[in-house]
Amino acid sequence: MSLLASFMNLAGPDLIIILLIILVLFGAKKLPELAKGMGQAVREFQKAKDEFSDELNKAGKTEEKSVHPAQANVPRIEPGTPGATTQPDPNQTVAPGNRADQV
């Protein structure tokens, strides 16, 4: 409550009047439930904020690590070399009557 008082610059008597108005509006039995609900909401908000900042930090760290140049796993064949012509794969079979290659 002191945070609220310092934020809105309320003095002691002003804060007491506001608390009495809240007590009259909600009743003595509802105040603990309201305070508990507000506490849970604040905790959930803090938890979500922390998870979000952790995800941002993780994303920044993995981005820095993953900026390495890729290495080729397949040998490069330059045009004009004898092995540059493509030949059909002997393991691939074409069913008779299949006209997909004639389109």
PDB file of N, CA and C in Angstrom:
ATOM      1  N   MET A   1       0.819  -1.190   0.000  1.00  0.00           N
ATOM      2  CA  MET A   1       0.000   0.000   0.000  1.00  0.00           C
ATOM      3  C   MET A   1       0.865   1.256   0.000  1.00  0.00           C
ATOM      4  N   SER A   2       2.034   1.188   0.571  1.00  0.00           N
ATOM      5  CA  SER A   2       2.878   2.372   0.601  1.00  0.00           C
ATOM      6  C   SER A   2       3.328   2.756  -0.805  1.00  0.00           C
ATOM      7  N   LEU A   3       3.440   1.750  -1.699  1.00  0.00           N
ATOM      8  CA  LEU A   3       3.788   2.039  -3.086  1.00  0.00           C
ATOM      9  C   LEU A   3       2.674   2.831  -3.747  1.00  0.00           C
ATOM     10  N   LEU A   4       1.433   2.439  -3.481  1.00  0.00           N
ATOM     11  CA  LEU A   4       0.287   3.153  -4.028  1.00  0.00           C
ATOM     12  C   LEU A   4       0.233   4.571  -3.476  1.00  0.00           C
ATOM     13  N   ALA A   5       0.489   4.700  -2.199  1.00  0.00           N
ATOM     14  CA  ALA A   5       0.457   6.019  -1.577  1.00  0.00           C
ATOM     15  C   ALA A   5       1.554   6.920  -2.130  1.00  0.00           C
ATOM     16  N   SER A   6       2.739   6.375  -2.332  1.00  0.00           N
ATOM     17  CA  SER A   6       3.821   7.203  -2.863  1.00  0.00           C
ATOM     18  C   SER A   6       3.614   7.513  -4.336  1.00  0.00           C
ATOM     19  N   PHE A   7       2.957   6.592  -5.057  1.00  0.00           N
ATOM     20  CA  PHE A   7       2.706   6.816  -6.481  1.00  0.00           C
ATOM     21  C   PHE A   7       1.684   7.929  -6.696  1.00  0.00           C
ATOM     22  N   MET A   8       0.628   7.913  -5.914  1.00  0.00           N
ATOM     23  CA  MET A   8      -0.429   8.909  -6.090  1.00  0.00           C
ATOM     24  C   MET A   8      -0.247  10.104  -5.154  1.00  0.00           C
ATOM     25  N   ASN A   9       0.816  10.079  -4.378  1.00  0.00           N
ATOM     26  CA  ASN A   9       1.136  11.168  -3.463  1.00  0.00           C
ATOM     27  C   ASN A   9       0.002  11.409  -2.468  1.00  0.00           C
ATOM     28  N   LEU A  10      -0.493  10.314  -1.872  1.00  0.00           N
ATOM     29  CA  LEU A  10      -1.566  10.414  -0.895  1.00  0.00           C
ATOM     30  C   LEU A  10      -0.988  10.453   0.511  1.00  0.00           C
ATOM     31  N   ALA A  11      -1.616  11.262   1.338  1.00  0.00           N
ATOM     32  CA  ALA A  11      -1.191  11.343   2.733  1.00  0.00           C
ATOM     33  C   ALA A  11      -1.958  10.304   3.543  1.00  0.00           C
ATOM     34  N   GLY A  12      -1.676  10.179   4.817  1.00  0.00           N
ATOM     35  CA  GLY A  12      -2.308   9.200   5.698  1.00  0.00           C
ATOM     36  C   GLY A  12      -3.824   9.295   5.744  1.00  0.00           C
ATOM     37  N   PRO A  13      -4.402  10.477   6.036  1.00  0.00           N
ATOM     38  CA  PRO A  13      -5.868  10.576   6.128  1.00  0.00           C
ATOM     39  C   PRO A  13      -6.571  10.260   4.797  1.00  0.00           C
ATOM     40  N   ASP A  14      -5.980  10.663   3.695  1.00  0.00           N
ATOM     41  CA  ASP A  14      -6.584  10.383   2.385  1.00  0.00           C
ATOM     42  C   ASP A  14      -6.627   8.885   2.120  1.00  0.00           C
ATOM     43  N   LEU A  15      -5.562   8.195   2.455  1.00  0.00           N
ATOM     44  CA  LEU A  15      -5.488   6.755   2.246  1.00  0.00           C
ATOM     45  C   LEU A  15      -6.485   6.021   3.138  1.00  0.00           C
ATOM     46  N   ILE A  16      -6.658   6.480   4.369  1.00  0.00           N
ATOM     47  CA  ILE A  16      -7.616   5.854   5.285  1.00  0.00           C
ATOM     48  C   ILE A  16      -9.039   6.019   4.757  1.00  0.00           C
ATOM     49  N   ILE A  17      -9.370   7.174   4.224  1.00  0.00           N
ATOM     50  CA  ILE A  17     -10.716   7.409   3.669  1.00  0.00           C
ATOM     51  C   ILE A  17     -10.960   6.484   2.471  1.00  0.00           C
ATOM     52  N   ILE A  18      -9.974   6.326   1.619  1.00  0.00           N
ATOM     53  CA  ILE A  18     -10.121   5.443   0.458  1.00  0.00           C
ATOM     54  C   ILE A  18     -10.315   3.998   0.910  1.00  0.00           C
ATOM     55  N   LEU A  19      -9.556   3.559   1.909  1.00  0.00           N
ATOM     56  CA  LEU A  19      -9.707   2.195   2.426  1.00  0.00           C
ATOM     57  C   LEU A  19     -11.079   1.991   3.060  1.00  0.00           C
ATOM     58  N   LEU A  20     -11.596   2.983   3.755  1.00  0.00           N
ATOM     59  CA  LEU A  20     -12.942   2.876   4.336  1.00  0.00           C
ATOM     60  C   LEU A  20     -14.011   2.778   3.254  1.00  0.00           C
ATOM     61  N   ILE A  21     -13.865   3.526   2.172  1.00  0.00           N
ATOM     62  CA  ILE A  21     -14.819   3.463   1.061  1.00  0.00           C
ATOM     63  C   ILE A  21     -14.794   2.070   0.435  1.00  0.00           C
ATOM     64  N   ILE A  22     -13.602   1.504   0.250  1.00  0.00           N
ATOM     65  CA  ILE A  22     -13.479   0.152  -0.304  1.00  0.00           C
ATOM     66  C   ILE A  22     -14.110  -0.863   0.638  1.00  0.00           C
ATOM     67  N   LEU A  23     -13.919  -0.691   1.942  1.00  0.00           N
ATOM     68  CA  LEU A  23     -14.506  -1.586   2.931  1.00  0.00           C
ATOM     69  C   LEU A  23     -16.034  -1.535   2.878  1.00  0.00           C
ATOM     70  N   VAL A  24     -16.594  -0.354   2.730  1.00  0.00           N
ATOM     71  CA  VAL A  24     -18.050  -0.220   2.661  1.00  0.00           C
ATOM     72  C   VAL A  24     -18.592  -0.822   1.371  1.00  0.00           C
ATOM     73  N   LEU A  25     -17.886  -0.618   0.253  1.00  0.00           N
ATOM     74  CA  LEU A  25     -18.370  -1.118  -1.035  1.00  0.00           C
ATOM     75  C   LEU A  25     -18.330  -2.639  -1.116  1.00  0.00           C
ATOM     76  N   PHE A  26     -17.247  -3.250  -0.680  1.00  0.00           N
ATOM     77  CA  PHE A  26     -17.071  -4.685  -0.868  1.00  0.00           C
ATOM     78  C   PHE A  26     -17.394  -5.509   0.374  1.00  0.00           C
ATOM     79  N   GLY A  27     -17.342  -4.942   1.539  1.00  0.00           N
ATOM     80  CA  GLY A  27     -17.614  -5.676   2.761  1.00  0.00           C
ATOM     81  C   GLY A  27     -16.356  -6.317   3.307  1.00  0.00           C
ATOM     82  N   ALA A  28     -16.412  -6.677   4.582  1.00  0.00           N
ATOM     83  CA  ALA A  28     -15.239  -7.216   5.263  1.00  0.00           C
ATOM     84  C   ALA A  28     -14.909  -8.615   4.792  1.00  0.00           C
ATOM     85  N   LYS A  29     -15.902  -9.382   4.353  1.00  0.00           N
ATOM     86  CA  LYS A  29     -15.653 -10.757   3.927  1.00  0.00           C
ATOM     87  C   LYS A  29     -15.024 -10.821   2.536  1.00  0.00           C
ATOM     88  N   LYS A  30     -15.292  -9.858   1.699  1.00  0.00           N
ATOM     89  CA  LYS A  30     -14.774  -9.872   0.334  1.00  0.00           C
ATOM     90  C   LYS A  30     -13.354  -9.314   0.228  1.00  0.00           C
ATOM     91  N   LEU A  31     -12.935  -8.505   1.167  1.00  0.00           N
ATOM     92  CA  LEU A  31     -11.613  -7.879   1.072  1.00  0.00           C
ATOM     93  C   LEU A  31     -10.472  -8.893   1.025  1.00  0.00           C
ATOM     94  N   PRO A  32     -10.452  -9.926   1.883  1.00  0.00           N
ATOM     95  CA  PRO A  32      -9.356 -10.903   1.762  1.00  0.00           C
ATOM     96  C   PRO A  32      -9.361 -11.621   0.414  1.00  0.00           C
ATOM     97  N   GLU A  33     -10.549 -11.920  -0.117  1.00  0.00           N
ATOM     98  CA  GLU A  33     -10.629 -12.573  -1.428  1.00  0.00           C
ATOM     99  C   GLU A  33     -10.103 -11.653  -2.526  1.00  0.00           C
ATOM    100  N   LEU A  34     -10.459 -10.380  -2.444  1.00  0.00           N
ATOM    101  CA  LEU A  34      -9.962  -9.418  -3.433  1.00  0.00           C
ATOM    102  C   LEU A  34      -8.450  -9.270  -3.352  1.00  0.00           C
ATOM    103  N   ALA A  35      -7.921  -9.205  -2.129  1.00  0.00           N
ATOM    104  CA  ALA A  35      -6.469  -9.072  -1.965  1.00  0.00           C
ATOM    105  C   ALA A  35      -5.758 -10.319  -2.484  1.00  0.00           C
ATOM    106  N   LYS A  36      -6.330 -11.493  -2.209  1.00  0.00           N
ATOM    107  CA  LYS A  36      -5.731 -12.737  -2.684  1.00  0.00           C
ATOM    108  C   LYS A  36      -5.739 -12.777  -4.212  1.00  0.00           C
ATOM    109  N   GLY A  37      -6.849 -12.393  -4.814  1.00  0.00           N
ATOM    110  CA  GLY A  37      -6.939 -12.363  -6.279  1.00  0.00           C
ATOM    111  C   GLY A  37      -5.952 -11.391  -6.893  1.00  0.00           C
ATOM    112  N   MET A  38      -5.800 -10.230  -6.265  1.00  0.00           N
ATOM    113  CA  MET A  38      -4.841  -9.244  -6.782  1.00  0.00           C
ATOM    114  C   MET A  38      -3.412  -9.758  -6.649  1.00  0.00           C
ATOM    115  N   GLY A  39      -3.119 -10.432  -5.533  1.00  0.00           N
ATOM    116  CA  GLY A  39      -1.787 -10.994  -5.346  1.00  0.00           C
ATOM    117  C   GLY A  39      -1.470 -12.056  -6.386  1.00  0.00           C
ATOM    118  N   GLN A  40      -2.457 -12.923  -6.677  1.00  0.00           N
ATOM    119  CA  GLN A  40      -2.250 -13.950  -7.694  1.00  0.00           C
ATOM    120  C   GLN A  40      -2.062 -13.328  -9.071  1.00  0.00           C
ATOM    121  N   ALA A  41      -2.831 -12.287  -9.359  1.00  0.00           N
ATOM    122  CA  ALA A  41      -2.694 -11.624 -10.653  1.00  0.00           C
ATOM    123  C   ALA A  41      -1.317 -10.995 -10.810  1.00  0.00           C
ATOM    124  N   VAL A  42      -0.819 -10.376  -9.755  1.00  0.00           N
ATOM    125  CA  VAL A  42       0.505  -9.758  -9.806  1.00  0.00           C
ATOM    126  C   VAL A  42       1.581 -10.826  -9.995  1.00  0.00           C
ATOM    127  N   ARG A  43       1.444 -11.962  -9.268  1.00  0.00           N
ATOM    128  CA  ARG A  43       2.418 -13.050  -9.423  1.00  0.00           C
ATOM    129  C   ARG A  43       2.404 -13.610 -10.836  1.00  0.00           C
ATOM    130  N   GLU A  44       1.212 -13.820 -11.408  1.00  0.00           N
ATOM    131  CA  GLU A  44       1.114 -14.330 -12.776  1.00  0.00           C
ATOM    132  C   GLU A  44       1.739 -13.355 -13.773  1.00  0.00           C
ATOM    133  N   PHE A  45       1.504 -12.068 -13.555  1.00  0.00           N
ATOM    134  CA  PHE A  45       2.082 -11.062 -14.442  1.00  0.00           C
ATOM    135  C   PHE A  45       3.611 -11.082 -14.355  1.00  0.00           C
ATOM    136  N   GLN A  46       4.138 -11.151 -13.149  1.00  0.00           N
ATOM    137  CA  GLN A  46       5.592 -11.204 -12.971  1.00  0.00           C
ATOM    138  C   GLN A  46       6.174 -12.457 -13.614  1.00  0.00           C
ATOM    139  N   LYS A  47       5.481 -13.589 -13.451  1.00  0.00           N
ATOM    140  CA  LYS A  47       5.947 -14.844 -14.033  1.00  0.00           C
ATOM    141  C   LYS A  47       5.974 -14.758 -15.555  1.00  0.00           C
ATOM    142  N   ALA A  48       4.908 -14.214 -16.139  1.00  0.00           N
ATOM    143  CA  ALA A  48       4.849 -14.076 -17.599  1.00  0.00           C
ATOM    144  C   ALA A  48       5.934 -13.122 -18.089  1.00  0.00           C
ATOM    145  N   LYS A  49       6.163 -12.056 -17.348  1.00  0.00           N
ATOM    146  CA  LYS A  49       7.203 -11.086 -17.730  1.00  0.00           C
ATOM    147  C   LYS A  49       8.587 -11.733 -17.685  1.00  0.00           C
ATOM    148  N   ASP A  50       8.850 -12.517 -16.638  1.00  0.00           N
ATOM    149  CA  ASP A  50      10.142 -13.189 -16.518  1.00  0.00           C
ATOM    150  C   ASP A  50      10.341 -14.225 -17.624  1.00  0.00           C
ATOM    151  N   GLU A  51       9.286 -15.002 -17.926  1.00  0.00           N
ATOM    152  CA  GLU A  51       9.380 -15.995 -18.996  1.00  0.00           C
ATOM    153  C   GLU A  51       9.639 -15.324 -20.340  1.00  0.00           C
ATOM    154  N   PHE A  52       8.984 -14.210 -20.570  1.00  0.00           N
ATOM    155  CA  PHE A  52       9.167 -13.479 -21.835  1.00  0.00           C
ATOM    156  C   PHE A  52      10.598 -12.962 -21.955  1.00  0.00           C
ATOM    157  N   SER A  53      11.121 -12.390 -20.880  1.00  0.00           N
ATOM    158  CA  SER A  53      12.494 -11.872 -20.950  1.00  0.00           C
ATOM    159  C   SER A  53      13.496 -13.022 -21.080  1.00  0.00           C
ATOM    160  N   ASP A  54      13.212 -14.174 -20.439  1.00  0.00           N
ATOM    161  CA  ASP A  54      14.092 -15.334 -20.600  1.00  0.00           C
ATOM    162  C   ASP A  54      14.100 -15.820 -22.041  1.00  0.00           C
ATOM    163  N   GLU A  55      12.936 -15.865 -22.681  1.00  0.00           N
ATOM    164  CA  GLU A  55      12.853 -16.286 -24.080  1.00  0.00           C
ATOM    165  C   GLU A  55      13.611 -15.321 -24.984  1.00  0.00           C
ATOM    166  N   LEU A  56      13.500 -14.033 -24.706  1.00  0.00           N
ATOM    167  CA  LEU A  56      14.247 -13.054 -25.507  1.00  0.00           C
ATOM    168  C   LEU A  56      15.748 -13.242 -25.343  1.00  0.00           C
ATOM    169  N   ASN A  57      16.186 -13.490 -24.106  1.00  0.00           N
ATOM    170  CA  ASN A  57      17.617 -13.706 -23.868  1.00  0.00           C
ATOM    171  C   ASN A  57      18.095 -14.980 -24.551  1.00  0.00           C
ATOM    172  N   LYS A  58      17.289 -16.050 -24.487  1.00  0.00           N
ATOM    173  CA  LYS A  58      17.653 -17.307 -25.140  1.00  0.00           C
ATOM    174  C   LYS A  58      17.754 -17.121 -26.643  1.00  0.00           C
ATOM    175  N   ALA A  59      16.794 -16.417 -27.215  1.00  0.00           N
ATOM    176  CA  ALA A  59      16.792 -16.199 -28.662  1.00  0.00           C
ATOM    177  C   ALA A  59      18.014 -15.392 -29.084  1.00  0.00           C
ATOM    178  N   GLY A  60      18.394 -14.415 -28.292  1.00  0.00           N
ATOM    179  CA  GLY A  60      19.570 -13.611 -28.612  1.00  0.00           C
ATOM    180  C   GLY A  60      20.848 -14.420 -28.529  1.00  0.00           C
ATOM    181  N   LYS A  61      20.933 -15.300 -27.535  1.00  0.00           N
ATOM    182  CA  LYS A  61      22.137 -16.107 -27.383  1.00  0.00           C
ATOM    183  C   LYS A  61      22.251 -17.159 -28.469  1.00  0.00           C
ATOM    184  N   THR A  62      21.139 -17.801 -28.852  1.00  0.00           N
ATOM    185  CA  THR A  62      21.209 -18.823 -29.902  1.00  0.00           C
ATOM    186  C   THR A  62      21.468 -18.191 -31.251  1.00  0.00           C
ATOM    187  N   GLU A  63      21.006 -16.972 -31.461  1.00  0.00           N
ATOM    188  CA  GLU A  63      21.276 -16.281 -32.721  1.00  0.00           C
ATOM    189  C   GLU A  63      22.765 -16.003 -32.865  1.00  0.00           C
ATOM    190  N   GLU A  64      23.400 -15.603 -31.774  1.00  0.00           N
ATOM    191  CA  GLU A  64      24.834 -15.320 -31.821  1.00  0.00           C
ATOM    192  C   GLU A  64      25.631 -16.590 -32.111  1.00  0.00           C
ATOM    193  N   LYS A  65      25.200 -17.716 -31.564  1.00  0.00           N
ATOM    194  CA  LYS A  65      25.926 -18.965 -31.765  1.00  0.00           C
ATOM    195  C   LYS A  65      25.691 -19.552 -33.146  1.00  0.00           C
ATOM    196  N   SER A  66      24.523 -19.320 -33.737  1.00  0.00           N
ATOM    197  CA  SER A  66      24.178 -19.973 -34.998  1.00  0.00           C
ATOM    198  C   SER A  66      24.560 -19.156 -36.227  1.00  0.00           C
ATOM    199  N   VAL A  67      25.406 -18.172 -36.114  1.00  0.00           N
ATOM    200  CA  VAL A  67      25.787 -17.346 -37.248  1.00  0.00           C
ATOM    201  C   VAL A  67      27.071 -17.869 -37.889  1.00  0.00           C
ATOM    202  N   HIS A  68      27.339 -19.144 -37.797  1.00  0.00           N
ATOM    203  CA  HIS A  68      28.522 -19.729 -38.410  1.00  0.00           C
ATOM    204  C   HIS A  68      28.232 -20.050 -39.870  1.00  0.00           C
ATOM    205  N   PRO A  69      29.242 -19.922 -40.745  1.00  0.00           N
ATOM    206  CA  PRO A  69      29.002 -20.244 -42.153  1.00  0.00           C
ATOM    207  C   PRO A  69      28.749 -21.739 -42.329  1.00  0.00           C
ATOM    208  N   ALA A  70      27.873 -22.050 -43.256  1.00  0.00           N
ATOM    209  CA  ALA A  70      27.528 -23.448 -43.509  1.00  0.00           C
ATOM    210  C   ALA A  70      28.618 -24.109 -44.335  1.00  0.00           C
ATOM    211  N   GLN A  71      28.870 -25.367 -44.061  1.00  0.00           N
ATOM    212  CA  GLN A  71      29.853 -26.121 -44.824  1.00  0.00           C
ATOM    213  C   GLN A  71      29.106 -27.052 -45.766  1.00  0.00           C
ATOM    214  N   ALA A  72      29.607 -27.161 -46.985  1.00  0.00           N
ATOM    215  CA  ALA A  72      28.949 -27.987 -47.990  1.00  0.00           C
ATOM    216  C   ALA A  72      29.243 -29.456 -47.736  1.00  0.00           C
ATOM    217  N   ASN A  73      28.214 -30.279 -47.834  1.00  0.00           N
ATOM    218  CA  ASN A  73      28.371 -31.723 -47.684  1.00  0.00           C
ATOM    219  C   ASN A  73      28.457 -32.409 -49.043  1.00  0.00           C
ATOM    220  N   VAL A  74      28.052 -31.718 -50.090  1.00  0.00           N
ATOM    221  CA  VAL A  74      28.039 -32.288 -51.431  1.00  0.00           C
ATOM    222  C   VAL A  74      29.132 -31.608 -52.246  1.00  0.00           C
ATOM    223  N   PRO A  75      29.949 -32.372 -52.949  1.00  0.00           N
ATOM    224  CA  PRO A  75      30.995 -31.738 -53.759  1.00  0.00           C
ATOM    225  C   PRO A  75      30.384 -30.919 -54.892  1.00  0.00           C
ATOM    226  N   ARG A  76      30.986 -29.799 -55.159  1.00  0.00           N
ATOM    227  CA  ARG A  76      30.496 -28.915 -56.200  1.00  0.00           C
ATOM    228  C   ARG A  76      31.022 -29.381 -57.550  1.00  0.00           C
ATOM    229  N   ILE A  77      30.157 -29.438 -58.558  1.00  0.00           N
ATOM    230  CA  ILE A  77      30.553 -29.800 -59.917  1.00  0.00           C
ATOM    231  C   ILE A  77      30.414 -28.557 -60.771  1.00  0.00           C
ATOM    232  N   GLU A  78      31.493 -28.126 -61.331  1.00  0.00           N
ATOM    233  CA  GLU A  78      31.492 -26.925 -62.159  1.00  0.00           C
ATOM    234  C   GLU A  78      30.977 -27.265 -63.552  1.00  0.00           C
ATOM    235  N   PRO A  79      30.253 -26.344 -64.190  1.00  0.00           N
ATOM    236  CA  PRO A  79      29.801 -26.583 -65.564  1.00  0.00           C
ATOM    237  C   PRO A  79      30.996 -26.696 -66.507  1.00  0.00           C
ATOM    238  N   GLY A  80      30.879 -27.560 -67.467  1.00  0.00           N
ATOM    239  CA  GLY A  80      31.953 -27.748 -68.440  1.00  0.00           C
ATOM    240  C   GLY A  80      32.821 -28.940 -68.111  1.00  0.00           C
ATOM    241  N   THR A  81      32.678 -29.507 -66.944  1.00  0.00           N
ATOM    242  CA  THR A  81      33.449 -30.705 -66.604  1.00  0.00           C
ATOM    243  C   THR A  81      32.697 -31.919 -67.120  1.00  0.00           C
ATOM    244  N   PRO A  82      33.375 -33.013 -67.395  1.00  0.00           N
ATOM    245  CA  PRO A  82      32.701 -34.178 -67.969  1.00  0.00           C
ATOM    246  C   PRO A  82      31.597 -34.754 -67.087  1.00  0.00           C
ATOM    247  N   GLY A  83      31.677 -34.632 -65.784  1.00  0.00           N
ATOM    248  CA  GLY A  83      30.663 -35.194 -64.899  1.00  0.00           C
ATOM    249  C   GLY A  83      29.481 -34.268 -64.679  1.00  0.00           C
ATOM    250  N   ALA A  84      29.414 -33.135 -65.391  1.00  0.00           N
ATOM    251  CA  ALA A  84      28.364 -32.154 -65.160  1.00  0.00           C
ATOM    252  C   ALA A  84      27.041 -32.531 -65.805  1.00  0.00           C
ATOM    253  N   THR A  85      27.037 -33.444 -66.747  1.00  0.00           N
ATOM    254  CA  THR A  85      25.770 -33.824 -67.373  1.00  0.00           C
ATOM    255  C   THR A  85      24.989 -34.707 -66.426  1.00  0.00           C
ATOM    256  N   THR A  86      23.713 -34.503 -66.390  1.00  0.00           N
ATOM    257  CA  THR A  86      22.881 -35.299 -65.486  1.00  0.00           C
ATOM    258  C   THR A  86      22.406 -36.542 -66.204  1.00  0.00           C
ATOM    259  N   GLN A  87      22.474 -37.633 -65.534  1.00  0.00           N
ATOM    260  CA  GLN A  87      22.024 -38.899 -66.094  1.00  0.00           C
ATOM    261  C   GLN A  87      20.917 -39.443 -65.202  1.00  0.00           C
ATOM    262  N   PRO A  88      19.981 -40.197 -65.778  1.00  0.00           N
ATOM    263  CA  PRO A  88      18.888 -40.730 -64.969  1.00  0.00           C
ATOM    264  C   PRO A  88      19.402 -41.724 -63.932  1.00  0.00           C
ATOM    265  N   ASP A  89      18.716 -41.750 -62.819  1.00  0.00           N
ATOM    266  CA  ASP A  89      19.087 -42.656 -61.739  1.00  0.00           C
ATOM    267  C   ASP A  89      18.663 -44.070 -62.110  1.00  0.00           C
ATOM    268  N   PRO A  90      19.585 -45.027 -62.130  1.00  0.00           N
ATOM    269  CA  PRO A  90      19.217 -46.393 -62.513  1.00  0.00           C
ATOM    270  C   PRO A  90      18.316 -47.068 -61.475  1.00  0.00           C
ATOM    271  N   ASN A  91      18.271 -46.573 -60.259  1.00  0.00           N
ATOM    272  CA  ASN A  91      17.426 -47.171 -59.231  1.00  0.00           C
ATOM    273  C   ASN A  91      15.980 -46.719 -59.332  1.00  0.00           C
ATOM    274  N   GLN A  92      15.725 -45.675 -60.107  1.00  0.00           N
ATOM    275  CA  GLN A  92      14.387 -45.153 -60.256  1.00  0.00           C
ATOM    276  C   GLN A  92      13.701 -45.863 -61.421  1.00  0.00           C
ATOM    277  N   THR A  93      12.507 -46.346 -61.193  1.00  0.00           N
ATOM    278  CA  THR A  93      11.778 -47.037 -62.261  1.00  0.00           C
ATOM    279  C   THR A  93      10.596 -46.210 -62.696  1.00  0.00           C
ATOM    280  N   VAL A  94      10.270 -46.325 -63.966  1.00  0.00           N
ATOM    281  CA  VAL A  94       9.121 -45.629 -64.512  1.00  0.00           C
ATOM    282  C   VAL A  94       8.103 -46.683 -64.912  1.00  0.00           C
ATOM    283  N   ALA A  95       6.888 -46.538 -64.423  1.00  0.00           N
ATOM    284  CA  ALA A  95       5.831 -47.494 -64.742  1.00  0.00           C
ATOM    285  C   ALA A  95       5.398 -47.297 -66.176  1.00  0.00           C
ATOM    286  N   PRO A  96       5.098 -48.374 -66.892  1.00  0.00           N
ATOM    287  CA  PRO A  96       4.609 -48.218 -68.266  1.00  0.00           C
ATOM    288  C   PRO A  96       3.309 -47.440 -68.295  1.00  0.00           C
ATOM    289  N   GLY A  97       3.180 -46.580 -69.246  1.00  0.00           N
ATOM    290  CA  GLY A  97       1.966 -45.783 -69.376  1.00  0.00           C
ATOM    291  C   GLY A  97       1.995 -44.517 -68.542  1.00  0.00           C
ATOM    292  N   ASN A  98       3.045 -44.279 -67.812  1.00  0.00           N
ATOM    293  CA  ASN A  98       3.153 -43.072 -67.012  1.00  0.00           C
ATOM    294  C   ASN A  98       3.597 -41.937 -67.937  1.00  0.00           C
ATOM    295  N   ARG A  99       2.732 -40.948 -68.113  1.00  0.00           N
ATOM    296  CA  ARG A  99       3.042 -39.852 -69.043  1.00  0.00           C
ATOM    297  C   ARG A  99       3.359 -38.562 -68.300  1.00  0.00           C
ATOM    298  N   ALA A 100       3.777 -38.656 -67.074  1.00  0.00           N
ATOM    299  CA  ALA A 100       4.084 -37.459 -66.312  1.00  0.00           C
ATOM    300  C   ALA A 100       5.283 -36.730 -66.872  1.00  0.00           C
ATOM    301  N   ASP A 101       6.206 -37.471 -67.528  1.00  0.00           N
ATOM    302  CA  ASP A 101       7.386 -36.812 -68.071  1.00  0.00           C
ATOM    303  C   ASP A 101       7.111 -36.167 -69.425  1.00  0.00           C
ATOM    304  N   GLN A 102       5.926 -36.357 -69.992  1.00  0.00           N
ATOM    305  CA  GLN A 102       5.619 -35.797 -71.300  1.00  0.00           C
ATOM    306  C   GLN A 102       4.835 -34.504 -71.209  1.00  0.00           C
ATOM    307  N   VAL A 103       4.592 -33.991 -70.031  1.00  0.00           N
ATOM    308  CA  VAL A 103       3.793 -32.779 -69.861  1.00  0.00           C
ATOM    309  C   VAL A 103       4.526 -31.575 -70.272  1.00  0.00           C
TER     310      VAL A 103
END
